[in-house]
Amino acid sequence: MTSNQIGSVKLPSKALLAPMAGVTDRAYRELCMSMGAGFCVSEMVSSKALSFGSKKSEELMDISSQERPCGIQIFGDDPSCMAEAAEAAMRHNPDIIDINMGCPAPKISGNGSGSALMKDPELCGRITDAVVKAVSVPVTVKIRKGWDDDMINAPEVAIICEQAGASAITVHGRTRKQFYKPPVDYDIIRQVKQSVSIPVIANGDVDSAQKAKQVLDYTGCDFVMIGRASLGNPWIFTQINTYLDNPGAVLYFPTIEEKLNTMVAQVAKMVEYKGEYIALRQARKLASGYFKGIRGAASLRNDAGKIETLDDLIRLKNKVLQSI
């Protein structure tokens, strides 16, 4: 097995796109993969919703040829239901099935799923075992440092998941109680890497090419997973790949015009895939990432919150370009 491989799946780079609810839709995954991401994952899909035949959940699992290798992430707290969900996900031909054991959102963890599973390592193992036995592709598991400061057990959970057949572990270096507040504990990620023999993916505050290399070197991990730092900045994957190949290389940074043209292209794809009404309401928040660092960004974010159509977004883009 090469260092750029998870199970039987070969990944073209070490910088992976993290799954983010309401963000990593098909259009965003395709964009980030075109920018050099080595792997992407769907928005998380509820195992219970799949069992009820949810049309929305089925749509979340659509994968195109432009975003491979791609995984489908499922969440839930019942082993048999999760196994059934994994089987349902296989209808969409994912390269990997990912199990969410790290989501801190109250509506997820409050129902015993996501990061709440960290409180029951034995259940983590049973869920992993059930999913592994249900599918023919590698199964990965995303966990956190632990539930809170009194329950830091990422290495224990990682070992249990490996023994249950997981092909890789992603570790977010914060507890559920911390949500996304600093600091990230890279020591616990390193401990997980030292505890298992399968690939480990480091996650949390990797926001530059330099930081990616530092985290890989410090933790010994096989990959880094990029989430919020990619918002409005899909070029981060190209930058990380370039820097890892040659730390002395000049990194590419887009012009404002390129950033805004990419924004419009991404939203246009969203419109194509899900219709203008839904796409543009999601794009209001998405646009703020592309405006970061531009003079008058606060005012632009306010303007973005009012867009109704793709033409509105194009006019806003042109307004920005005319002012610089």
Protein backbone atom coordinates (compact mmCIF):
# COMPACT_ATOMS: atom_id res chain seq x y z
CA MET A 1 0.00 0.00 0.00
CA THR A 2 1.29 3.43 -0.94
CA SER A 3 1.06 6.40 1.40
CA ASN A 4 -1.50 7.96 -0.96
CA GLN A 5 -3.94 5.09 -0.77
CA ILE A 6 -6.97 4.21 1.38
CA GLY A 7 -7.80 0.55 1.09
CA SER A 8 -7.91 -0.14 -2.64
CA VAL A 9 -8.52 3.53 -3.54
CA LYS A 10 -5.59 5.56 -4.83
CA LEU A 11 -5.71 9.28 -4.04
CA PRO A 12 -3.89 11.75 -6.31
CA SER A 13 -2.85 14.10 -3.48
CA LYS A 14 -2.60 14.42 0.28
CA ALA A 15 -4.97 17.41 0.60
CA LEU A 16 -8.56 16.23 0.98
CA LEU A 17 -11.84 18.15 1.04
CA ALA A 18 -13.78 17.78 4.30
CA PRO A 19 -17.52 17.12 4.19
CA MET A 20 -19.48 20.21 5.30
CA ALA A 21 -23.26 20.26 5.61
CA GLY A 22 -24.82 22.82 3.31
CA VAL A 23 -21.50 23.47 1.56
CA THR A 24 -19.88 20.46 -0.09
CA ASP A 25 -22.54 19.84 -2.69
CA ARG A 26 -21.78 18.35 -6.09
CA ALA A 27 -20.80 21.73 -7.60
CA TYR A 28 -18.35 22.51 -4.80
CA ARG A 29 -16.84 19.04 -4.81
CA GLU A 30 -16.26 19.20 -8.56
CA LEU A 31 -14.61 22.60 -8.20
CA CYS A 32 -12.26 21.53 -5.42
CA MET A 33 -11.31 18.32 -7.20
CA SER A 34 -10.45 20.37 -10.29
CA MET A 35 -8.19 22.48 -8.07
CA GLY A 36 -6.22 19.48 -6.83
CA ALA A 37 -8.13 18.00 -3.91
CA GLY A 38 -7.20 14.35 -3.58
CA PHE A 39 -10.58 13.18 -2.37
CA CYS A 40 -13.98 14.59 -1.48
CA VAL A 41 -16.95 13.48 0.60
CA SER A 42 -20.66 14.16 0.29
CA GLU A 43 -22.63 16.19 2.78
CA MET A 44 -23.60 13.86 5.62
CA VAL A 45 -26.65 11.70 4.97
CA SER A 46 -29.00 10.50 7.71
CA SER A 47 -29.28 6.73 7.91
CA LYS A 48 -32.80 7.08 9.32
CA ALA A 49 -33.87 9.41 6.52
CA LEU A 50 -32.59 6.89 3.97
CA SER A 51 -34.62 4.14 5.63
CA PHE A 52 -37.72 6.31 5.13
CA GLY A 53 -36.92 6.77 1.45
CA SER A 54 -35.97 10.44 1.66
CA LYS A 55 -35.64 11.96 -1.81
CA LYS A 56 -33.41 14.75 -0.49
CA SER A 57 -31.02 12.22 1.03
CA GLU A 58 -30.83 10.36 -2.27
CA GLU A 59 -29.99 13.62 -4.05
CA LEU A 60 -27.17 14.32 -1.58
CA MET A 61 -25.51 11.11 -2.73
CA ASP A 62 -25.35 11.92 -6.46
CA ILE A 63 -21.75 11.65 -7.63
CA SER A 64 -20.40 12.73 -11.02
CA SER A 65 -17.34 11.49 -12.88
CA GLN A 66 -15.66 14.87 -12.27
CA GLU A 67 -15.40 14.42 -8.51
CA ARG A 68 -13.70 11.10 -8.05
CA PRO A 69 -12.48 9.62 -5.86
CA CYS A 70 -15.53 10.56 -3.77
CA GLY A 71 -17.02 9.14 -0.61
CA ILE A 72 -20.53 9.23 0.80
CA GLN A 73 -20.79 10.08 4.49
CA ILE A 74 -23.57 8.59 6.60
CA PHE A 75 -24.54 9.19 10.21
CA GLY A 76 -26.67 7.43 12.79
CA ASP A 77 -26.47 5.47 16.02
CA ASP A 78 -27.93 2.07 15.10
CA PRO A 79 -25.60 -0.52 13.53
CA SER A 80 -28.26 -2.27 11.44
CA CYS A 81 -29.74 1.00 10.19
CA MET A 82 -26.26 2.26 9.30
CA ALA A 83 -25.53 -0.95 7.41
CA GLU A 84 -28.76 -0.52 5.42
CA ALA A 85 -27.85 3.11 4.71
CA ALA A 86 -24.43 2.06 3.46
CA GLU A 87 -26.05 -0.47 1.14
CA ALA A 88 -28.39 2.24 -0.16
CA ALA A 89 -25.44 4.56 -0.70
CA MET A 90 -23.75 1.94 -2.87
CA ARG A 91 -26.43 2.53 -5.53
CA HIS A 92 -24.55 5.77 -6.26
CA ASN A 93 -21.20 3.97 -6.69
CA PRO A 94 -19.09 5.82 -4.10
CA ASP A 95 -15.40 5.02 -3.89
CA ILE A 96 -15.57 5.02 -0.09
CA ILE A 97 -18.21 5.01 2.65
CA ASP A 98 -17.43 7.43 5.49
CA ILE A 99 -19.00 7.17 8.95
CA ASN A 100 -19.56 10.42 10.83
CA MET A 101 -18.61 10.09 14.49
CA GLY A 102 -17.48 13.70 14.83
CA CYS A 103 -20.30 16.13 14.07
CA PRO A 104 -20.79 18.43 17.10
CA ALA A 105 -24.10 19.98 16.01
CA PRO A 106 -26.74 19.63 18.74
CA LYS A 107 -29.35 18.31 16.30
CA ILE A 108 -26.95 15.46 15.43
CA SER A 109 -25.06 14.73 18.64
CA GLY A 110 -28.15 15.45 20.73
CA ASN A 111 -29.82 12.44 19.12
CA GLY A 112 -26.92 10.10 19.88
CA SER A 113 -25.22 10.37 16.48
CA GLY A 114 -22.08 12.18 15.33
CA SER A 115 -19.68 13.04 18.13
CA ALA A 116 -22.03 11.54 20.75
CA LEU A 117 -20.82 8.13 19.60
CA MET A 118 -17.44 8.96 21.14
CA LYS A 119 -19.08 8.37 24.52
CA ASP A 120 -19.62 4.71 23.60
CA PRO A 121 -16.49 3.24 21.98
CA GLU A 122 -18.02 -0.24 21.88
CA LEU A 123 -20.95 1.08 19.83
CA CYS A 124 -18.45 2.81 17.49
CA GLY A 125 -16.95 -0.60 16.85
CA ARG A 126 -20.30 -2.30 16.22
CA ILE A 127 -21.37 0.40 13.77
CA THR A 128 -18.07 0.20 11.90
CA ASP A 129 -18.23 -3.58 11.76
CA ALA A 130 -21.80 -3.53 10.42
CA VAL A 131 -20.99 -1.00 7.70
CA VAL A 132 -17.77 -2.75 6.66
CA LYS A 133 -19.65 -6.04 6.26
CA ALA A 134 -22.41 -4.34 4.24
CA VAL A 135 -20.28 -2.83 1.47
CA SER A 136 -17.50 -3.78 -0.91
CA VAL A 137 -15.59 -0.46 -0.78
CA PRO A 138 -13.26 0.85 1.93
CA VAL A 139 -14.92 2.33 5.02
CA THR A 140 -13.45 5.35 6.77
CA VAL A 141 -14.44 6.86 10.10
CA LYS A 142 -14.31 10.52 11.14
CA ILE A 143 -13.89 11.13 14.86
CA ARG A 144 -12.99 13.94 17.26
CA LYS A 145 -10.51 14.25 20.10
CA GLY A 146 -13.28 13.12 22.41
CA TRP A 147 -16.55 14.29 23.92
CA ASP A 148 -15.11 16.77 26.43
CA ASP A 149 -11.98 17.30 28.53
CA ASP A 150 -13.04 14.46 30.84
CA MET A 151 -13.49 12.05 27.95
CA ILE A 152 -10.55 12.29 25.56
CA ASN A 153 -10.49 8.91 23.86
CA ALA A 154 -9.67 9.36 20.16
CA PRO A 155 -6.83 6.76 20.21
CA GLU A 156 -9.09 4.18 21.88
CA VAL A 157 -11.93 4.74 19.42
CA ALA A 158 -9.52 4.67 16.49
CA ILE A 159 -8.11 1.30 17.57
CA ILE A 160 -11.60 -0.14 17.97
CA CYS A 161 -12.65 1.11 14.54
CA GLU A 162 -9.48 -0.31 12.95
CA GLN A 163 -10.16 -3.69 14.55
CA ALA A 164 -13.71 -3.52 13.18
CA GLY A 165 -12.36 -3.13 9.66
CA ALA A 166 -12.02 0.62 9.03
CA SER A 167 -9.56 1.46 6.24
CA ALA A 168 -8.69 4.95 7.53
CA ILE A 169 -9.44 7.35 10.39
CA THR A 170 -9.96 11.10 10.18
CA VAL A 171 -9.32 12.96 13.43
CA HIS A 172 -10.53 16.47 14.20
CA GLY A 173 -8.29 17.71 17.00
CA ARG A 174 -11.02 19.22 19.18
CA THR A 175 -13.59 17.77 21.56
CA ARG A 176 -17.29 18.04 20.86
CA LYS A 177 -17.55 20.63 23.63
CA GLN A 178 -15.02 22.84 21.82
CA PHE A 179 -16.96 22.76 18.54
CA TYR A 180 -14.61 24.77 16.26
CA LYS A 181 -12.91 27.02 18.80
CA PRO A 182 -9.11 26.87 19.11
CA PRO A 183 -6.77 25.41 19.90
CA VAL A 184 -6.54 22.26 17.81
CA ASP A 185 -4.71 19.48 19.63
CA TYR A 186 -2.26 18.06 17.11
CA ASP A 187 -0.73 15.91 19.85
CA ILE A 188 -3.89 13.80 20.05
CA ILE A 189 -3.88 13.40 16.28
CA ARG A 190 -0.28 12.22 16.48
CA GLN A 191 -1.27 9.77 19.21
CA VAL A 192 -3.98 8.33 16.97
CA LYS A 193 -1.48 7.93 14.14
CA GLN A 194 0.88 6.09 16.48
CA SER A 195 -1.94 3.86 17.74
CA VAL A 196 -3.14 2.38 14.44
CA SER A 197 -1.61 0.92 11.30
CA ILE A 198 -4.18 2.26 8.83
CA PRO A 199 -3.91 5.74 7.24
CA VAL A 200 -4.83 8.69 9.45
CA ILE A 201 -6.14 12.01 8.16
CA ALA A 202 -5.45 15.16 10.22
CA ASN A 203 -8.28 17.68 10.39
CA GLY A 204 -8.64 21.07 12.05
CA ASP A 205 -7.39 24.58 11.20
CA VAL A 206 -5.25 23.58 8.24
CA ASP A 207 -5.51 26.93 6.47
CA SER A 208 -2.40 27.23 4.32
CA ALA A 209 0.15 25.19 2.40
CA GLN A 210 2.74 25.82 5.10
CA LYS A 211 0.36 24.73 7.84
CA ALA A 212 -0.49 21.56 5.94
CA LYS A 213 3.16 20.53 5.80
CA GLN A 214 3.71 21.40 9.46
CA VAL A 215 0.75 19.27 10.49
CA LEU A 216 1.79 16.33 8.31
CA ASP A 217 5.35 16.49 9.62
CA TYR A 218 4.33 16.88 13.27
CA THR A 219 1.58 14.27 13.40
CA GLY A 220 3.05 11.78 10.93
CA CYS A 221 -0.36 11.58 9.30
CA ASP A 222 -0.89 10.41 5.75
CA PHE A 223 -3.27 13.18 4.67
CA VAL A 224 -4.72 16.52 5.76
CA MET A 225 -8.39 17.37 5.43
CA ILE A 226 -9.38 20.94 4.59
CA GLY A 227 -12.80 22.31 5.49
CA ARG A 228 -13.57 25.94 6.30
CA ALA A 229 -10.25 27.20 4.88
CA SER A 230 -11.40 26.13 1.41
CA LEU A 231 -14.50 28.36 1.48
CA GLY A 232 -14.03 30.90 -1.27
CA ASN A 233 -10.50 29.56 -1.61
CA PRO A 234 -10.43 26.26 -3.52
CA TRP A 235 -6.93 27.22 -4.69
CA ILE A 236 -5.66 26.04 -1.28
CA PHE A 237 -5.49 22.50 -2.68
CA THR A 238 -3.23 23.57 -5.55
CA GLN A 239 -1.08 25.53 -3.11
CA ILE A 240 -0.72 22.59 -0.71
CA ASN A 241 0.17 20.17 -3.50
CA THR A 242 2.76 22.58 -4.90
CA TYR A 243 4.31 23.23 -1.48
CA LEU A 244 4.49 19.57 -0.51
CA ASP A 245 6.26 18.81 -3.79
CA ASN A 246 8.65 21.74 -3.39
CA PRO A 247 8.61 24.07 -0.34
CA GLY A 248 10.68 26.56 -2.30
CA ALA A 249 8.19 26.87 -5.14
CA VAL A 250 6.22 30.06 -5.76
CA LEU A 251 2.60 29.44 -4.80
CA TYR A 252 -0.26 30.51 -7.02
CA PHE A 253 -2.75 33.05 -5.67
CA PRO A 254 -5.72 34.12 -7.81
CA THR A 255 -6.53 37.67 -8.78
CA ILE A 256 -9.76 39.24 -7.52
CA GLU A 257 -11.24 38.84 -11.01
CA GLU A 258 -10.40 35.14 -11.07
CA LYS A 259 -11.86 34.65 -7.59
CA LEU A 260 -15.14 36.28 -8.54
CA ASN A 261 -15.37 34.51 -11.90
CA THR A 262 -14.87 31.22 -10.09
CA MET A 263 -17.59 32.18 -7.62
CA VAL A 264 -20.04 32.80 -10.46
CA ALA A 265 -19.06 29.56 -12.21
CA GLN A 266 -19.61 27.59 -9.00
CA VAL A 267 -23.03 29.12 -8.42
CA ALA A 268 -23.96 28.56 -12.08
CA LYS A 269 -23.24 24.85 -11.56
CA MET A 270 -25.36 24.92 -8.41
CA VAL A 271 -28.21 26.40 -10.43
CA GLU A 272 -27.79 23.66 -13.04
CA TYR A 273 -27.88 20.91 -10.43
CA LYS A 274 -30.55 22.13 -8.01
CA GLY A 275 -32.41 25.04 -9.60
CA GLU A 276 -32.02 28.79 -9.19
CA TYR A 277 -34.26 29.27 -6.17
CA ILE A 278 -32.42 26.83 -3.90
CA ALA A 279 -28.96 27.53 -5.34
CA LEU A 280 -29.08 31.29 -4.91
CA ARG A 281 -30.24 31.12 -1.33
CA GLN A 282 -27.31 28.86 -0.53
CA ALA A 283 -25.02 31.12 -2.57
CA ARG A 284 -25.73 34.12 -0.34
CA LYS A 285 -23.57 32.62 2.39
CA LEU A 286 -21.10 31.04 -0.02
CA ALA A 287 -20.28 34.37 -1.66
CA SER A 288 -18.89 35.84 1.57
CA GLY A 289 -15.91 33.48 1.36
CA TYR A 290 -14.97 34.82 -2.05
CA PHE A 291 -15.25 38.42 -0.83
CA LYS A 292 -12.79 37.84 2.01
CA GLY A 293 -9.84 40.19 1.70
CA ILE A 294 -11.56 42.49 -0.80
CA ARG A 295 -11.99 46.14 0.19
CA GLY A 296 -15.53 46.71 1.44
CA ALA A 297 -16.09 43.01 2.14
CA ALA A 298 -18.63 43.68 4.90
CA SER A 299 -20.82 45.72 2.55
CA LEU A 300 -20.43 43.09 -0.17
CA ARG A 301 -21.56 40.34 2.21
CA ASN A 302 -24.64 42.43 2.96
CA ASP A 303 -25.32 42.82 -0.76
CA ALA A 304 -24.82 39.09 -1.29
CA GLY A 305 -27.49 38.40 1.31
CA LYS A 306 -30.06 39.96 -1.01
CA ILE A 307 -29.31 38.18 -4.28
CA GLU A 308 -32.24 36.35 -5.85
CA THR A 309 -30.92 35.27 -9.25
CA LEU A 310 -27.69 34.35 -10.96
CA ASP A 311 -27.91 37.64 -12.85
CA ASP A 312 -27.98 39.46 -9.49
CA LEU A 313 -24.73 37.75 -8.56
CA ILE A 314 -23.13 38.61 -11.90
CA ARG A 315 -24.11 42.27 -11.43
CA LEU A 316 -22.59 42.22 -7.95
CA LYS A 317 -19.39 40.71 -9.37
CA ASN A 318 -19.21 43.42 -12.03
CA LYS A 319 -19.82 46.12 -9.43
CA VAL A 320 -16.80 44.88 -7.46
CA LEU A 321 -14.55 44.70 -10.52
CA GLN A 322 -15.48 48.20 -11.62
CA SER A 323 -14.55 49.57 -8.20
CA ILE A 324 -10.97 48.23 -8.14
